[in-house]
PDB file of N, CA and C in Angstrom:
ATOM      1  N   MET A   1     121.068 112.743  95.908  1.00  0.00           N
ATOM      2  CA  MET A   1     120.677 113.953  95.204  1.00  0.00           C
ATOM      3  C   MET A   1     121.905 114.607  94.580  1.00  0.00           C
ATOM      4  N   ASP A   2     121.651 115.392  93.583  1.00  0.00           N
ATOM      5  CA  ASP A   2     122.710 116.071  92.846  1.00  0.00           C
ATOM      6  C   ASP A   2     123.323 117.172  93.716  1.00  0.00           C
ATOM      7  N   PRO A   3     124.647 117.118  93.971  1.00  0.00           N
ATOM      8  CA  PRO A   3     125.302 118.143  94.791  1.00  0.00           C
ATOM      9  C   PRO A   3     125.148 119.549  94.212  1.00  0.00           C
ATOM     10  N   LYS A   4     124.956 119.655  92.903  1.00  0.00           N
ATOM     11  CA  LYS A   4     124.780 120.962  92.269  1.00  0.00           C
ATOM     12  C   LYS A   4     123.537 121.670  92.820  1.00  0.00           C
ATOM     13  N   ILE A   5     122.518 120.899  93.155  1.00  0.00           N
ATOM     14  CA  ILE A   5     121.297 121.475  93.735  1.00  0.00           C
ATOM     15  C   ILE A   5     121.628 122.151  95.063  1.00  0.00           C
ATOM     16  N   PHE A   6     122.430 121.486  95.888  1.00  0.00           N
ATOM     17  CA  PHE A   6     122.803 122.066  97.178  1.00  0.00           C
ATOM     18  C   PHE A   6     123.643 123.329  96.982  1.00  0.00           C
ATOM     19  N   ASP A   7     124.563 123.277  96.026  1.00  0.00           N
ATOM     20  CA  ASP A   7     125.386 124.457  95.743  1.00  0.00           C
ATOM     21  C   ASP A   7     124.521 125.628  95.311  1.00  0.00           C
ATOM     22  N   ASP A   8     123.569 125.361  94.417  1.00  0.00           N
ATOM     23  CA  ASP A   8     122.689 126.413  93.915  1.00  0.00           C
ATOM     24  C   ASP A   8     121.849 127.009  95.047  1.00  0.00           C
ATOM     25  N   LEU A   9     121.262 126.148  95.869  1.00  0.00           N
ATOM     26  CA  LEU A   9     120.464 126.635  96.989  1.00  0.00           C
ATOM     27  C   LEU A   9     121.318 127.423  97.989  1.00  0.00           C
ATOM     28  N   ALA A  10     122.509 126.935  98.268  1.00  0.00           N
ATOM     29  CA  ALA A  10     123.404 127.622  99.206  1.00  0.00           C
ATOM     30  C   ALA A  10     123.779 129.003  98.677  1.00  0.00           C
ATOM     31  N   HIS A  11     124.063 129.107  97.388  1.00  0.00           N
ATOM     32  CA  HIS A  11     124.403 130.411  96.802  1.00  0.00           C
ATOM     33  C   HIS A  11     123.203 131.354  96.854  1.00  0.00           C
ATOM     34  N   ARG A  12     122.022 130.837  96.576  1.00  0.00           N
ATOM     35  CA  ARG A  12     120.819 131.684  96.636  1.00  0.00           C
ATOM     36  C   ARG A  12     120.570 132.203  98.047  1.00  0.00           C
ATOM     37  N   LEU A  13     120.747 131.323  99.032  1.00  0.00           N
ATOM     38  CA  LEU A  13     120.563 131.749 100.413  1.00  0.00           C
ATOM     39  C   LEU A  13     121.607 132.792 100.801  1.00  0.00           C
ATOM     40  N   ALA A  14     122.840 132.580 100.390  1.00  0.00           N
ATOM     41  CA  ALA A  14     123.910 133.538 100.709  1.00  0.00           C
ATOM     42  C   ALA A  14     123.652 134.870 100.013  1.00  0.00           C
ATOM     43  N   ASP A  15     123.124 134.850  98.801  1.00  0.00           N
ATOM     44  CA  ASP A  15     122.812 136.088  98.081  1.00  0.00           C
ATOM     45  C   ASP A  15     121.673 136.859  98.739  1.00  0.00           C
ATOM     46  N   ALA A  16     120.819 136.152  99.459  1.00  0.00           N
ATOM     47  CA  ALA A  16     119.679 136.803 100.107  1.00  0.00           C
ATOM     48  C   ALA A  16     120.061 137.513 101.408  1.00  0.00           C
ATOM     49  N   VAL A  17     121.267 137.302 101.864  1.00  0.00           N
ATOM     50  CA  VAL A  17     121.739 137.927 103.110  1.00  0.00           C
ATOM     51  C   VAL A  17     121.981 139.422 102.870  1.00  0.00           C
ATOM     52  N   PRO A  18     121.649 140.272 103.843  1.00  0.00           N
ATOM     53  CA  PRO A  18     121.862 141.719 103.697  1.00  0.00           C
ATOM     54  C   PRO A  18     123.317 142.072 103.371  1.00  0.00           C
ATOM     55  N   GLY A  19     123.507 143.208 102.712  1.00  0.00           N
ATOM     56  CA  GLY A  19     124.812 143.638 102.230  1.00  0.00           C
ATOM     57  C   GLY A  19     125.893 143.710 103.294  1.00  0.00           C
ATOM     58  N   ALA A  20     125.559 144.134 104.503  1.00  0.00           N
ATOM     59  CA  ALA A  20     126.560 144.289 105.562  1.00  0.00           C
ATOM     60  C   ALA A  20     127.194 142.954 105.942  1.00  0.00           C
ATOM     61  N   VAL A  21     126.510 141.877 105.701  1.00  0.00           N
ATOM     62  CA  VAL A  21     127.003 140.561 106.094  1.00  0.00           C
ATOM     63  C   VAL A  21     127.632 139.831 104.904  1.00  0.00           C
ATOM     64  N   ARG A  22     127.583 140.433 103.745  1.00  0.00           N
ATOM     65  CA  ARG A  22     128.054 139.757 102.532  1.00  0.00           C
ATOM     66  C   ARG A  22     129.547 139.437 102.566  1.00  0.00           C
ATOM     67  N   ASP A  23     130.288 140.084 103.422  1.00  0.00           N
ATOM     68  CA  ASP A  23     131.712 139.757 103.534  1.00  0.00           C
ATOM     69  C   ASP A  23     131.898 138.307 103.990  1.00  0.00           C
ATOM     70  N   LEU A  24     130.919 137.820 104.668  1.00  0.00           N
ATOM     71  CA  LEU A  24     130.969 136.439 105.162  1.00  0.00           C
ATOM     72  C   LEU A  24     130.326 135.466 104.170  1.00  0.00           C
ATOM     73  N   ARG A  25     130.092 135.922 102.960  1.00  0.00           N
ATOM     74  CA  ARG A  25     129.338 135.156 101.969  1.00  0.00           C
ATOM     75  C   ARG A  25     129.907 133.755 101.735  1.00  0.00           C
ATOM     76  N   HIS A  26     131.209 133.647 101.586  1.00  0.00           N
ATOM     77  CA  HIS A  26     131.816 132.335 101.338  1.00  0.00           C
ATOM     78  C   HIS A  26     131.532 131.389 102.503  1.00  0.00           C
ATOM     79  N   ASP A  27     131.713 131.879 103.721  1.00  0.00           N
ATOM     80  CA  ASP A  27     131.444 131.044 104.896  1.00  0.00           C
ATOM     81  C   ASP A  27     129.967 130.671 104.973  1.00  0.00           C
ATOM     82  N   LEU A  28     129.106 131.643 104.668  1.00  0.00           N
ATOM     83  CA  LEU A  28     127.672 131.367 104.694  1.00  0.00           C
ATOM     84  C   LEU A  28     127.293 130.313 103.663  1.00  0.00           C
ATOM     85  N   THR A  29     127.853 130.439 102.476  1.00  0.00           N
ATOM     86  CA  THR A  29     127.560 129.464 101.421  1.00  0.00           C
ATOM     87  C   THR A  29     127.966 128.066 101.862  1.00  0.00           C
ATOM     88  N   ASP A  30     129.139 127.922 102.435  1.00  0.00           N
ATOM     89  CA  ASP A  30     129.598 126.618 102.920  1.00  0.00           C
ATOM     90  C   ASP A  30     128.695 126.085 104.031  1.00  0.00           C
ATOM     91  N   ASN A  31     128.331 126.973 104.956  1.00  0.00           N
ATOM     92  CA  ASN A  31     127.469 126.562 106.068  1.00  0.00           C
ATOM     93  C   ASN A  31     126.071 126.170 105.580  1.00  0.00           C
ATOM     94  N   PHE A  32     125.524 126.963 104.648  1.00  0.00           N
ATOM     95  CA  PHE A  32     124.212 126.632 104.090  1.00  0.00           C
ATOM     96  C   PHE A  32     124.253 125.285 103.373  1.00  0.00           C
ATOM     97  N   ARG A  33     125.309 125.048 102.592  1.00  0.00           N
ATOM     98  CA  ARG A  33     125.444 123.791 101.855  1.00  0.00           C
ATOM     99  C   ARG A  33     125.483 122.606 102.827  1.00  0.00           C
ATOM    100  N   THR A  34     126.281 122.737 103.868  1.00  0.00           N
ATOM    101  CA  THR A  34     126.399 121.669 104.859  1.00  0.00           C
ATOM    102  C   THR A  34     125.063 121.423 105.558  1.00  0.00           C
ATOM    103  N   LEU A  35     124.387 122.500 105.928  1.00  0.00           N
ATOM    104  CA  LEU A  35     123.086 122.383 106.590  1.00  0.00           C
ATOM    105  C   LEU A  35     122.057 121.711 105.675  1.00  0.00           C
ATOM    106  N   LEU A  36     122.018 122.131 104.418  1.00  0.00           N
ATOM    107  CA  LEU A  36     121.073 121.545 103.467  1.00  0.00           C
ATOM    108  C   LEU A  36     121.350 120.062 103.253  1.00  0.00           C
ATOM    109  N   GLN A  37     122.613 119.705 103.075  1.00  0.00           N
ATOM    110  CA  GLN A  37     122.958 118.299 102.850  1.00  0.00           C
ATOM    111  C   GLN A  37     122.586 117.436 104.047  1.00  0.00           C
ATOM    112  N   SER A  38     122.871 117.909 105.248  1.00  0.00           N
ATOM    113  CA  SER A  38     122.560 117.104 106.432  1.00  0.00           C
ATOM    114  C   SER A  38     121.055 117.004 106.645  1.00  0.00           C
ATOM    115  N   THR A  39     120.332 118.075 106.350  1.00  0.00           N
ATOM    116  CA  THR A  39     118.881 118.049 106.500  1.00  0.00           C
ATOM    117  C   THR A  39     118.251 117.067 105.514  1.00  0.00           C
ATOM    118  N   PHE A  40     118.661 117.124 104.257  1.00  0.00           N
ATOM    119  CA  PHE A  40     118.119 116.203 103.264  1.00  0.00           C
ATOM    120  C   PHE A  40     118.526 114.763 103.555  1.00  0.00           C
ATOM    121  N   ALA A  41     119.703 114.555 104.086  1.00  0.00           N
ATOM    122  CA  ALA A  41     120.160 113.204 104.411  1.00  0.00           C
ATOM    123  C   ALA A  41     119.276 112.588 105.508  1.00  0.00           C
ATOM    124  N   ARG A  42     118.858 113.408 106.462  1.00  0.00           N
ATOM    125  CA  ARG A  42     118.012 112.914 107.546  1.00  0.00           C
ATOM    126  C   ARG A  42     116.584 112.630 107.087  1.00  0.00           C
ATOM    127  N   LEU A  43     116.164 113.218 105.981  1.00  0.00           N
ATOM    128  CA  LEU A  43     114.801 113.027 105.500  1.00  0.00           C
ATOM    129  C   LEU A  43     114.585 111.654 104.881  1.00  0.00           C
ATOM    130  N   ASP A  44     115.663 110.941 104.576  1.00  0.00           N
ATOM    131  CA  ASP A  44     115.576 109.593 104.006  1.00  0.00           C
ATOM    132  C   ASP A  44     114.708 109.597 102.753  1.00  0.00           C
ATOM    133  N   LEU A  45     115.050 110.473 101.818  1.00  0.00           N
ATOM    134  CA  LEU A  45     114.306 110.613 100.570  1.00  0.00           C
ATOM    135  C   LEU A  45     114.702 109.541  99.561  1.00  0.00           C
ATOM    136  N   VAL A  46     113.815 109.253  98.639  1.00  0.00           N
ATOM    137  CA  VAL A  46     114.115 108.326  97.547  1.00  0.00           C
ATOM    138  C   VAL A  46     113.960 109.077  96.231  1.00  0.00           C
ATOM    139  N   THR A  47     114.601 108.548  95.214  1.00  0.00           N
ATOM    140  CA  THR A  47     114.481 109.170  93.898  1.00  0.00           C
ATOM    141  C   THR A  47     113.122 108.833  93.298  1.00  0.00           C
ATOM    142  N   ARG A  48     112.723 109.584  92.287  1.00  0.00           N
ATOM    143  CA  ARG A  48     111.461 109.330  91.595  1.00  0.00           C
ATOM    144  C   ARG A  48     111.476 107.925  90.995  1.00  0.00           C
ATOM    145  N   GLU A  49     112.630 107.519  90.461  1.00  0.00           N
ATOM    146  CA  GLU A  49     112.748 106.192  89.858  1.00  0.00           C
ATOM    147  C   GLU A  49     112.503 105.095  90.897  1.00  0.00           C
ATOM    148  N   GLU A  50     113.122 105.236  92.074  1.00  0.00           N
ATOM    149  CA  GLU A  50     112.919 104.246  93.135  1.00  0.00           C
ATOM    150  C   GLU A  50     111.454 104.206  93.565  1.00  0.00           C
ATOM    151  N   PHE A  51     110.834 105.376  93.642  1.00  0.00           N
ATOM    152  CA  PHE A  51     109.430 105.468  94.022  1.00  0.00           C
ATOM    153  C   PHE A  51     108.547 104.752  93.001  1.00  0.00           C
ATOM    154  N   GLU A  52     108.804 104.987  91.715  1.00  0.00           N
ATOM    155  CA  GLU A  52     108.018 104.365  90.653  1.00  0.00           C
ATOM    156  C   GLU A  52     108.174 102.842  90.680  1.00  0.00           C
ATOM    157  N   VAL A  53     109.392 102.357  90.903  1.00  0.00           N
ATOM    158  CA  VAL A  53     109.628 100.910  90.972  1.00  0.00           C
ATOM    159  C   VAL A  53     108.838 100.312  92.128  1.00  0.00           C
ATOM    160  N   GLN A  54     108.895 100.933  93.294  1.00  0.00           N
ATOM    161  CA  GLN A  54     108.179 100.414  94.457  1.00  0.00           C
ATOM    162  C   GLN A  54     106.667 100.495  94.271  1.00  0.00           C
ATOM    163  N   SER A  55     106.190 101.523  93.588  1.00  0.00           N
ATOM    164  CA  SER A  55     104.755 101.639  93.297  1.00  0.00           C
ATOM    165  C   SER A  55     104.298 100.489  92.401  1.00  0.00           C
ATOM    166  N   ALA A  56     105.118 100.149  91.410  1.00  0.00           N
ATOM    167  CA  ALA A  56     104.784  99.042  90.519  1.00  0.00           C
ATOM    168  C   ALA A  56     104.774  97.715  91.283  1.00  0.00           C
ATOM    169  N   VAL A  57     105.741  97.527  92.158  1.00  0.00           N
ATOM    170  CA  VAL A  57     105.794  96.302  92.971  1.00  0.00           C
ATOM    171  C   VAL A  57     104.546  96.214  93.845  1.00  0.00           C
ATOM    172  N   LEU A  58     104.156  97.313  94.442  1.00  0.00           N
ATOM    173  CA  LEU A  58     102.966  97.331  95.295  1.00  0.00           C
ATOM    174  C   LEU A  58     101.707  97.016  94.484  1.00  0.00           C
ATOM    175  N   ALA A  59     101.594  97.567  93.281  1.00  0.00           N
ATOM    176  CA  ALA A  59     100.427  97.295  92.433  1.00  0.00           C
ATOM    177  C   ALA A  59     100.344  95.809  92.080  1.00  0.00           C
ATOM    178  N   ARG A  60     101.488  95.207  91.720  1.00  0.00           N
ATOM    179  CA  ARG A  60     101.497  93.772  91.417  1.00  0.00           C
ATOM    180  C   ARG A  60     101.129  92.944  92.642  1.00  0.00           C
ATOM    181  N   THR A  61     101.608  93.338  93.795  1.00  0.00           N
ATOM    182  CA  THR A  61     101.305  92.626  95.037  1.00  0.00           C
ATOM    183  C   THR A  61      99.811  92.704  95.345  1.00  0.00           C
ATOM    184  N   ARG A  62      99.231  93.876  95.138  1.00  0.00           N
ATOM    185  CA  ARG A  62      97.779  94.022  95.370  1.00  0.00           C
ATOM    186  C   ARG A  62      96.986  93.125  94.419  1.00  0.00           C
ATOM    187  N   GLU A  63      97.399  93.067  93.157  1.00  0.00           N
ATOM    188  CA  GLU A  63      96.716  92.212  92.189  1.00  0.00           C
ATOM    189  C   GLU A  63      96.774  90.748  92.627  1.00  0.00           C
ATOM    190  N   LYS A  64      97.953  90.298  93.057  1.00  0.00           N
ATOM    191  CA  LYS A  64      98.114  88.914  93.504  1.00  0.00           C
ATOM    192  C   LYS A  64      97.260  88.639  94.741  1.00  0.00           C
ATOM    193  N   LEU A  65      97.217  89.593  95.653  1.00  0.00           N
ATOM    194  CA  LEU A  65      96.431  89.432  96.870  1.00  0.00           C
ATOM    195  C   LEU A  65      94.943  89.332  96.542  1.00  0.00           C
ATOM    196  N   ASP A  66      94.466  90.170  95.627  1.00  0.00           N
ATOM    197  CA  ASP A  66      93.060  90.102  95.206  1.00  0.00           C
ATOM    198  C   ASP A  66      92.750  88.750  94.566  1.00  0.00           C
ATOM    199  N   LYS A  67      93.668  88.279  93.718  1.00  0.00           N
ATOM    200  CA  LYS A  67      93.482  86.990  93.047  1.00  0.00           C
ATOM    201  C   LYS A  67      93.428  85.857  94.073  1.00  0.00           C
ATOM    202  N   LEU A  68      94.336  85.885  95.045  1.00  0.00           N
ATOM    203  CA  LEU A  68      94.347  84.851  96.085  1.00  0.00           C
ATOM    204  C   LEU A  68      93.074  84.912  96.929  1.00  0.00           C
ATOM    205  N   GLY A  69      92.605  86.120  97.212  1.00  0.00           N
ATOM    206  CA  GLY A  69      91.363  86.269  97.971  1.00  0.00           C
ATOM    207  C   GLY A  69      90.188  85.648  97.234  1.00  0.00           C
ATOM    208  N   LYS A  70      90.128  85.840  95.929  1.00  0.00           N
ATOM    209  CA  LYS A  70      89.052  85.245  95.127  1.00  0.00           C
ATOM    210  C   LYS A  70      89.170  83.727  95.109  1.00  0.00           C
ATOM    211  N   GLN A  71      90.400  83.212  95.009  1.00  0.00           N
ATOM    212  CA  GLN A  71      90.599  81.762  95.018  1.00  0.00           C
ATOM    213  C   GLN A  71      90.151  81.158  96.347  1.00  0.00           C
ATOM    214  N   ILE A  72      90.450  81.833  97.433  1.00  0.00           N
ATOM    215  CA  ILE A  72      90.039  81.338  98.758  1.00  0.00           C
ATOM    216  C   ILE A  72      88.521  81.307  98.854  1.00  0.00           C
ATOM    217  N   THR A  73      87.876  82.352  98.366  1.00  0.00           N
ATOM    218  CA  THR A  73      86.413  82.405  98.386  1.00  0.00           C
ATOM    219  C   THR A  73      85.820  81.248  97.597  1.00  0.00           C
ATOM    220  N   GLU A  74      86.378  80.970  96.407  1.00  0.00           N
ATOM    221  CA  GLU A  74      85.891  79.860  95.586  1.00  0.00           C
ATOM    222  C   GLU A  74      86.118  78.519  96.275  1.00  0.00           C
ATOM    223  N   LEU A  75      87.270  78.344  96.900  1.00  0.00           N
ATOM    224  CA  LEU A  75      87.551  77.098  97.610  1.00  0.00           C
ATOM    225  C   LEU A  75      86.607  76.911  98.796  1.00  0.00           C
ATOM    226  N   GLU A  76      86.304  77.991  99.491  1.00  0.00           N
ATOM    227  CA  GLU A  76      85.408  77.910 100.644  1.00  0.00           C
ATOM    228  C   GLU A  76      83.996  77.522 100.208  1.00  0.00           C
ATOM    229  N   LYS A  77      83.597  77.951  99.022  1.00  0.00           N
ATOM    230  CA  LYS A  77      82.270  77.600  98.513  1.00  0.00           C
ATOM    231  C   LYS A  77      82.149  76.094  98.305  1.00  0.00           C
ATOM    232  N   GLY A  78      83.248  75.445  97.995  1.00  0.00           N
ATOM    233  CA  GLY A  78      83.240  74.001  97.732  1.00  0.00           C
ATOM    234  C   GLY A  78      83.323  73.159  98.980  1.00  0.00           C
ATOM    235  N   LEU A  79      83.550  73.768 100.142  1.00  0.00           N
ATOM    236  CA  LEU A  79      83.631  72.988 101.391  1.00  0.00           C
ATOM    237  C   LEU A  79      82.242  72.626 101.861  1.00  0.00           C
ATOM    238  N   PRO A  80      82.135  71.466 102.501  1.00  0.00           N
ATOM    239  CA  PRO A  80      80.811  71.091 103.055  1.00  0.00           C
ATOM    240  C   PRO A  80      80.426  72.035 104.193  1.00  0.00           C
ATOM    241  N   GLU A  81      79.127  72.230 104.318  1.00  0.00           N
ATOM    242  CA  GLU A  81      78.600  73.090 105.387  1.00  0.00           C
ATOM    243  C   GLU A  81      78.857  72.451 106.751  1.00  0.00           C
ATOM    244  N   LYS A  82      79.203  73.265 107.740  1.00  0.00           N
ATOM    245  CA  LYS A  82      79.372  72.770 109.116  1.00  0.00           C
ATOM    246  C   LYS A  82      77.993  72.726 109.784  1.00  0.00           C
ATOM    247  N   SER A  83      77.792  71.713 110.595  1.00  0.00           N
ATOM    248  CA  SER A  83      76.488  71.632 111.270  1.00  0.00           C
ATOM    249  C   SER A  83      76.565  72.049 112.705  1.00  0.00           C
TER     250      SER A  83
END
């Protein structure tokens, strides 16, 4: 993910802190940034591009599986009946 997003979120969170604590703003911003980065890292997120690629792969796999299922059905029709 873009580090600028974390910086922006950290600054917004630090700005939301009450005025009496604003002296610690720089420390809060750093702490918020670190917390956000570690939290997002643990979420094991993928980019939209990676998601779209995997979705396309899955769609192709489903198509192939359906085709193979139909071929198996046709082949089974040609087998002699068991008695």
